[in-house]
């Protein structure tokens, strides 16, 4: 659970675009029509469902296509965090722990209480590490920004040839955050597309599942299906440093 936030930037496989003329870059911003087509692929039963009308929004006056790119990237990123958090919650709730951890007996503590047990200095290390990942992903090291025709969910390589000198990490990094051992390196475009759809669907389900655990842990009975599964927590989820 303590490393859950560090997984927020695990990106989806890069999409393929048509070849561009030499010296030019292709930027294809998504539209509401693209979201509607994607929704059918993700879940043909539900289809396009946008009760808040976010697909028509214009955040910060930057345009609708900018907003759609921002929302797409945010959903993928939060879905990844939720998948990691959901698995971490289930593991700890069932007594599964990593062999190396901060000294102490955590077998009777709820997953949320694990964070409270981390020393303040340790919490800041996690926050700063995630901040670095966020800064690097937003720096432009991987090409076009996701709000300007870039790939939503893509995390640039630490050794990206597209990165300018100002974005390159001075020390060589042997592994990337995304697919460090190259499982998808030689995957077909069809397999990559299917993987992206699976990731989005699983991320959406994990967000619902994780929030279900959090709600039940604070208000027993609020999620009947999780009664007796989600461990009670007396702390404040919205005050991560309150226990220090």
Protein backbone atom coordinates (compact mmCIF):
# COMPACT_ATOMS: atom_id res chain seq x y z
CA UNK A 1 0.00 0.00 0.00
CA UNK A 2 2.82 2.42 0.84
CA UNK A 3 4.13 2.30 -2.72
CA UNK A 4 0.72 2.49 -4.34
CA UNK A 5 1.01 6.15 -5.30
CA UNK A 6 4.36 5.50 -6.95
CA UNK A 7 2.59 3.35 -9.53
CA UNK A 8 0.33 6.17 -10.68
CA UNK A 9 2.36 6.82 -13.76
CA UNK A 10 2.55 3.30 -15.11
CA UNK A 11 1.51 4.01 -18.70
CA UNK A 12 -0.41 2.25 -21.37
CA UNK A 13 1.33 1.00 -24.49
CA UNK A 14 1.91 3.66 -27.10
CA UNK A 15 -0.63 3.99 -29.88
CA UNK A 16 0.34 3.83 -33.53
CA UNK A 17 -0.15 6.74 -35.89
CA UNK A 18 0.42 7.14 -39.60
CA UNK A 19 3.99 8.00 -40.67
CA UNK A 20 4.73 11.72 -40.72
CA UNK A 21 6.80 13.59 -43.27
CA UNK A 22 10.44 14.06 -42.30
CA UNK A 23 10.88 16.82 -39.76
CA UNK A 24 7.16 16.92 -38.85
CA UNK A 25 5.19 15.47 -35.97
CA UNK A 26 1.67 14.10 -36.01
CA UNK A 27 -0.71 15.41 -33.36
CA UNK A 28 -4.18 13.94 -33.31
CA UNK A 29 -6.38 15.35 -30.57
CA UNK A 30 -9.36 13.27 -29.50
CA UNK A 31 -12.92 14.51 -29.82
CA UNK A 32 -16.25 13.57 -28.27
CA UNK A 33 -16.88 11.28 -31.25
CA UNK A 34 -13.69 9.41 -30.39
CA UNK A 35 -14.92 8.97 -26.81
CA UNK A 36 -18.24 7.61 -28.05
CA UNK A 37 -16.48 5.10 -30.30
CA UNK A 38 -14.13 4.09 -27.47
CA UNK A 39 -17.06 3.60 -25.08
CA UNK A 40 -18.64 1.02 -27.39
CA UNK A 41 -15.38 -0.93 -27.52
CA UNK A 42 -15.00 -0.79 -23.75
CA UNK A 43 -18.54 -1.83 -22.89
CA UNK A 44 -21.07 -2.26 -25.70
CA UNK A 45 -23.85 -2.81 -23.16
CA UNK A 46 -23.42 0.52 -21.36
CA UNK A 47 -21.99 2.45 -24.28
CA UNK A 48 -21.26 6.15 -23.92
CA UNK A 49 -22.33 7.34 -20.47
CA UNK A 50 -21.51 10.90 -19.46
CA UNK A 51 -24.16 12.20 -17.02
CA UNK A 52 -22.01 15.19 -16.00
CA UNK A 53 -21.41 16.28 -19.58
CA UNK A 54 -17.64 16.32 -19.15
CA UNK A 55 -17.11 15.40 -22.80
CA UNK A 56 -18.48 18.83 -23.71
CA UNK A 57 -16.51 20.73 -21.08
CA UNK A 58 -13.86 23.38 -21.66
CA UNK A 59 -11.41 23.34 -18.73
CA UNK A 60 -9.53 26.57 -18.09
CA UNK A 61 -10.66 27.95 -21.45
CA UNK A 62 -8.21 25.71 -23.30
CA UNK A 63 -10.73 24.07 -25.60
CA UNK A 64 -12.78 20.88 -25.66
CA UNK A 65 -10.10 18.69 -27.22
CA UNK A 66 -7.61 19.84 -24.57
CA UNK A 67 -10.14 18.91 -21.89
CA UNK A 68 -10.78 15.47 -23.37
CA UNK A 69 -7.05 14.73 -23.46
CA UNK A 70 -6.72 15.83 -19.83
CA UNK A 71 -9.65 13.66 -18.73
CA UNK A 72 -8.42 10.61 -20.66
CA UNK A 73 -4.97 10.82 -19.09
CA UNK A 74 -6.39 11.43 -15.61
CA UNK A 75 -8.67 8.40 -15.86
CA UNK A 76 -5.88 6.08 -16.97
CA UNK A 77 -3.51 7.34 -14.28
CA UNK A 78 -6.04 7.08 -11.46
CA UNK A 79 -7.12 3.67 -12.72
CA UNK A 80 -3.55 2.43 -12.39
CA UNK A 81 -3.25 3.78 -8.85
CA UNK A 82 -6.57 2.16 -7.94
CA UNK A 83 -5.55 -1.22 -9.37
CA UNK A 84 -2.36 -1.18 -7.31
CA UNK A 85 -4.24 0.04 -4.23
CA UNK A 86 -7.00 -2.54 -4.56
CA UNK A 87 -4.54 -5.41 -4.83
CA UNK A 88 -2.48 -4.01 -1.95
CA UNK A 89 -5.56 -3.67 0.24
CA UNK A 90 -6.66 -7.24 -0.47
CA UNK A 91 -3.20 -8.66 0.21
CA UNK A 92 -2.75 -6.94 3.56
CA UNK A 93 -6.34 -7.56 4.67
CA UNK A 94 -5.57 -11.27 4.20
CA UNK A 95 -2.32 -11.13 6.16
CA UNK A 96 0.07 -11.11 3.20
CA UNK A 97 3.09 -8.88 3.83
CA UNK A 98 6.37 -8.23 2.09
CA UNK A 99 9.29 -9.80 3.99
CA UNK A 100 11.10 -6.44 4.22
CA UNK A 101 9.18 -3.62 5.87
CA UNK A 102 9.40 -1.06 8.67
CA UNK A 103 10.00 -2.92 11.97
CA UNK A 104 6.85 -3.74 13.87
CA UNK A 105 3.85 -6.05 13.88
CA UNK A 106 1.28 -4.92 11.33
CA UNK A 107 -0.80 -8.08 11.17
CA UNK A 108 -3.69 -6.57 13.15
CA UNK A 109 -3.70 -3.18 11.47
CA UNK A 110 -5.94 -2.11 8.62
CA UNK A 111 -4.26 -1.32 5.29
CA UNK A 112 -4.90 2.39 5.84
CA UNK A 113 -3.12 2.26 9.20
CA UNK A 114 0.05 1.14 7.42
CA UNK A 115 0.47 4.62 6.03
CA UNK A 116 0.05 6.14 9.49
CA UNK A 117 2.92 3.93 10.72
CA UNK A 118 5.35 5.28 8.13
CA UNK A 119 7.68 7.92 9.66
CA UNK A 120 7.12 11.44 8.36
CA UNK A 121 10.49 11.43 6.59
CA UNK A 122 9.47 8.25 4.79
CA UNK A 123 6.19 9.80 3.69
CA UNK A 124 8.01 12.78 2.23
CA UNK A 125 10.36 10.47 0.33
CA UNK A 126 7.35 8.82 -1.30
CA UNK A 127 5.69 12.17 -2.05
CA UNK A 128 8.87 13.62 -3.56
CA UNK A 129 9.52 10.50 -5.65
CA UNK A 130 6.01 10.62 -7.08
CA UNK A 131 6.45 14.35 -7.62
CA UNK A 132 9.57 13.67 -9.66
CA UNK A 133 7.70 11.11 -11.79
CA UNK A 134 4.89 13.59 -12.35
CA UNK A 135 7.29 16.40 -13.29
CA UNK A 136 9.20 14.16 -15.69
CA UNK A 137 6.04 12.88 -17.35
CA UNK A 138 4.77 16.44 -17.84
CA UNK A 139 8.11 17.84 -18.98
CA UNK A 140 7.71 17.01 -22.64
CA UNK A 141 10.41 14.34 -22.61
CA UNK A 142 8.15 11.95 -24.49
CA UNK A 143 7.01 14.25 -27.27
CA UNK A 144 3.59 15.89 -27.61
CA UNK A 145 1.63 16.52 -24.42
CA UNK A 146 -1.51 14.41 -23.96
CA UNK A 147 -3.67 17.56 -24.11
CA UNK A 148 -2.10 18.55 -27.42
CA UNK A 149 -2.37 15.39 -29.45
CA UNK A 150 -0.05 13.18 -27.41
CA UNK A 151 -0.90 9.70 -26.17
CA UNK A 152 -3.07 9.66 -23.01
CA UNK A 153 -1.48 7.43 -20.39
CA UNK A 154 1.95 7.29 -22.02
CA UNK A 155 4.96 7.68 -19.72
CA UNK A 156 8.20 8.70 -21.48
CA UNK A 157 11.34 6.62 -21.32
CA UNK A 158 13.96 7.86 -18.89
CA UNK A 159 16.39 7.56 -21.80
CA UNK A 160 13.99 8.87 -24.45
CA UNK A 161 15.73 9.90 -27.68
CA UNK A 162 12.92 12.46 -28.12
CA UNK A 163 13.87 14.29 -24.94
CA UNK A 164 15.81 17.51 -25.15
CA UNK A 165 18.98 17.93 -23.09
CA UNK A 166 17.00 19.76 -20.39
CA UNK A 167 14.84 16.67 -19.79
CA UNK A 168 17.47 13.94 -19.89
CA UNK A 169 18.45 12.29 -16.63
CA UNK A 170 22.22 12.72 -16.10
CA UNK A 171 22.75 9.19 -14.76
CA UNK A 172 21.87 6.22 -17.01
CA UNK A 173 18.71 4.42 -15.90
CA UNK A 174 18.76 0.69 -16.75
CA UNK A 175 14.97 0.17 -16.52
CA UNK A 176 11.97 2.27 -17.47
CA UNK A 177 8.88 2.73 -15.34
CA UNK A 178 6.67 1.36 -18.10
CA UNK A 179 7.27 -2.27 -19.08
CA UNK A 180 10.84 -2.43 -17.72
CA UNK A 181 11.52 -5.92 -19.09
CA UNK A 182 9.90 -5.36 -22.49
CA UNK A 183 6.92 -7.71 -22.37
CA UNK A 184 5.01 -5.63 -24.94
CA UNK A 185 7.98 -4.61 -27.06
CA UNK A 186 7.13 -6.95 -29.93
CA UNK A 187 3.36 -7.14 -29.39
CA UNK A 188 1.14 -6.59 -32.41
CA UNK A 189 -0.91 -3.38 -32.71
CA UNK A 190 -4.08 -5.46 -32.19
CA UNK A 191 -2.76 -6.95 -28.96
CA UNK A 192 -1.70 -3.53 -27.69
CA UNK A 193 -5.11 -2.05 -28.45
CA UNK A 194 -6.85 -4.88 -26.62
CA UNK A 195 -4.50 -4.40 -23.68
CA UNK A 196 -5.38 -0.70 -23.50
CA UNK A 197 -9.09 -1.49 -23.40
CA UNK A 198 -8.57 -4.09 -20.67
CA UNK A 199 -6.51 -1.62 -18.66
CA UNK A 200 -9.18 1.08 -18.78
CA UNK A 201 -11.97 -1.33 -17.81
CA UNK A 202 -9.96 -2.85 -14.97
CA UNK A 203 -8.96 0.61 -13.79
CA UNK A 204 -12.56 1.76 -13.64
CA UNK A 205 -13.59 -1.33 -11.69
CA UNK A 206 -10.64 -0.92 -9.32
CA UNK A 207 -11.58 2.70 -8.59
CA UNK A 208 -15.07 1.60 -7.59
CA UNK A 209 -13.71 -1.33 -5.58
CA UNK A 210 -11.10 0.68 -3.71
CA UNK A 211 -13.54 3.43 -2.81
CA UNK A 212 -15.91 0.72 -1.65
CA UNK A 213 -13.26 -0.52 0.78
CA UNK A 214 -12.58 3.02 2.02
CA UNK A 215 -16.27 3.79 2.51
CA UNK A 216 -16.97 0.54 4.37
CA UNK A 217 -13.91 1.03 6.59
CA UNK A 218 -15.21 4.43 7.73
CA UNK A 219 -18.92 3.71 7.78
CA UNK A 220 -19.67 0.03 8.45
CA UNK A 221 -22.70 -1.13 6.50
CA UNK A 222 -22.38 1.52 3.79
CA UNK A 223 -21.26 -1.16 1.32
CA UNK A 224 -23.08 -4.35 2.38
CA UNK A 225 -21.12 -6.57 0.00
CA UNK A 226 -17.91 -5.64 1.83
CA UNK A 227 -19.23 -6.12 5.35
CA UNK A 228 -16.67 -8.00 7.43
CA UNK A 229 -14.08 -7.68 4.65
CA UNK A 230 -13.04 -4.02 4.82
CA UNK A 231 -11.16 -3.43 8.08
CA UNK A 232 -12.30 -0.44 10.19
CA UNK A 233 -10.14 2.70 10.19
CA UNK A 234 -10.41 5.58 12.67
CA UNK A 235 -8.04 7.92 10.86
CA UNK A 236 -8.70 10.54 8.21
CA UNK A 237 -8.06 9.52 4.62
CA UNK A 238 -8.01 13.18 3.57
CA UNK A 239 -5.30 14.11 6.12
CA UNK A 240 -2.34 11.87 5.23
CA UNK A 241 0.04 13.54 7.70
CA UNK A 242 -2.40 13.81 10.61
CA UNK A 243 -0.87 10.86 12.47
CA UNK A 244 2.61 12.42 12.58
